[in-house]
Amino acid sequence: MTGTTRLAEVDAALDRHAPLPRSNGELVFEEPWHARALGMGVVALEHAGASWADFRAHLVAAIERRPPEPGASPATAYYSAWIEALERLLRDRGLLP
């Protein structure tokens, strides 16, 4: 599976519930760690055998728990929630302490 195919799968899985940040149709990565978080999540979930539906539920909950901090951009708030969701899903599966 190519990176483009993976991204299309991620987009489709998250579209209605927790879409990836975009501007004029392009993904928004304001800081290098935003792109790294996305890539790390795609690879980690693939290796863990987790479905995007499982991850989406964790991501939606993380977004609800983590309102944007004052002065933080929407992209930073989103990718912070993304990391939290990834950690929780991997912890729930016994892959993180």
Protein backbone atom coordinates (compact mmCIF):
# COMPACT_ATOMS: atom_id res chain seq x y z
CA MET A 1 0.00 0.00 0.00
CA THR A 2 1.44 3.36 -0.97
CA GLY A 3 1.50 6.48 1.17
CA THR A 4 -1.13 8.07 -1.07
CA THR A 5 -3.43 5.06 -0.67
CA ARG A 6 -2.97 5.13 3.12
CA LEU A 7 -3.78 8.82 3.26
CA ALA A 8 -6.93 8.29 1.19
CA GLU A 9 -7.96 5.54 3.62
CA VAL A 10 -7.32 7.82 6.61
CA ASP A 11 -9.28 10.64 4.96
CA ALA A 12 -12.23 8.35 4.25
CA ALA A 13 -12.25 6.90 7.77
CA LEU A 14 -12.10 10.25 9.56
CA ASP A 15 -13.98 12.45 7.11
CA ARG A 16 -17.31 13.00 8.87
CA HIS A 17 -16.24 12.65 12.49
CA ALA A 18 -12.74 14.12 12.85
CA PRO A 19 -11.42 15.26 9.46
CA LEU A 20 -7.75 16.03 8.99
CA PRO A 21 -7.02 19.78 9.10
CA ARG A 22 -7.09 21.32 5.62
CA SER A 23 -6.84 24.70 3.99
CA ASN A 24 -7.99 25.09 0.38
CA GLY A 25 -8.12 21.29 0.14
CA GLU A 26 -4.50 20.80 1.23
CA LEU A 27 -3.47 19.15 4.48
CA VAL A 28 -2.27 21.61 7.10
CA PHE A 29 1.03 20.89 8.82
CA GLU A 30 2.04 24.08 10.58
CA GLU A 31 4.93 22.43 12.39
CA PRO A 32 7.09 19.41 11.49
CA TRP A 33 5.70 17.36 14.36
CA HIS A 34 2.18 17.57 12.89
CA ALA A 35 3.22 15.58 9.82
CA ARG A 36 5.28 13.21 11.95
CA ALA A 37 2.30 12.55 14.24
CA LEU A 38 0.13 11.69 11.25
CA GLY A 39 2.74 9.39 9.73
CA MET A 40 3.54 7.74 13.05
CA GLY A 41 -0.15 7.08 13.64
CA VAL A 42 -0.69 5.52 10.23
CA VAL A 43 2.27 3.16 10.65
CA ALA A 44 1.57 2.32 14.31
CA LEU A 45 -2.08 1.50 13.67
CA GLU A 46 -1.18 -0.62 10.67
CA HIS A 47 1.35 -2.60 12.68
CA ALA A 48 -1.03 -2.91 15.64
CA GLY A 49 -3.78 -4.25 13.40
CA ALA A 50 -6.14 -1.52 14.61
CA SER A 51 -8.96 -0.35 12.41
CA TRP A 52 -9.53 3.27 11.54
CA ALA A 53 -12.98 2.96 13.11
CA ASP A 54 -11.33 2.04 16.44
CA PHE A 55 -8.91 4.93 16.15
CA ARG A 56 -11.64 7.35 15.07
CA ALA A 57 -13.57 6.66 18.29
CA HIS A 58 -10.45 7.44 20.34
CA LEU A 59 -9.74 10.56 18.27
CA VAL A 60 -13.25 11.97 18.60
CA ALA A 61 -13.09 11.43 22.38
CA ALA A 62 -9.64 13.07 22.58
CA ILE A 63 -10.85 16.09 20.60
CA GLU A 64 -13.80 16.44 22.97
CA ARG A 65 -11.52 16.15 26.03
CA ARG A 66 -8.91 18.54 24.66
CA PRO A 67 -10.33 21.92 23.63
CA PRO A 68 -7.77 24.16 21.93
CA GLU A 69 -5.52 25.99 24.39
CA PRO A 70 -5.63 29.78 24.22
CA GLY A 71 -3.48 30.89 21.31
CA ALA A 72 -3.09 27.39 19.89
CA SER A 73 -4.00 26.86 16.27
CA PRO A 74 -6.73 24.40 15.30
CA ALA A 75 -4.07 22.20 13.64
CA THR A 76 -1.98 22.04 16.82
CA ALA A 77 -5.06 21.18 18.88
CA TYR A 78 -6.01 18.47 16.37
CA TYR A 79 -2.59 16.81 16.22
CA SER A 80 -2.26 16.98 20.02
CA ALA A 81 -5.55 15.10 20.27
CA TRP A 82 -4.29 12.72 17.54
CA ILE A 83 -1.27 11.78 19.67
CA GLU A 84 -3.43 11.34 22.77
CA ALA A 85 -5.83 9.10 20.83
CA LEU A 86 -2.98 7.02 19.44
CA GLU A 87 -1.46 6.55 22.90
CA ARG A 88 -4.81 5.52 24.41
CA LEU A 89 -5.60 3.06 21.64
CA LEU A 90 -2.16 1.43 21.88
CA ARG A 91 -2.40 1.35 25.69
CA ASP A 92 -5.87 -0.23 25.50
CA ARG A 93 -4.39 -2.95 23.27
CA GLY A 94 -1.57 -3.59 25.76
CA LEU A 95 1.10 -2.23 23.41
CA LEU A 96 2.11 0.66 25.68
CA PRO A 97 2.67 0.54 29.44
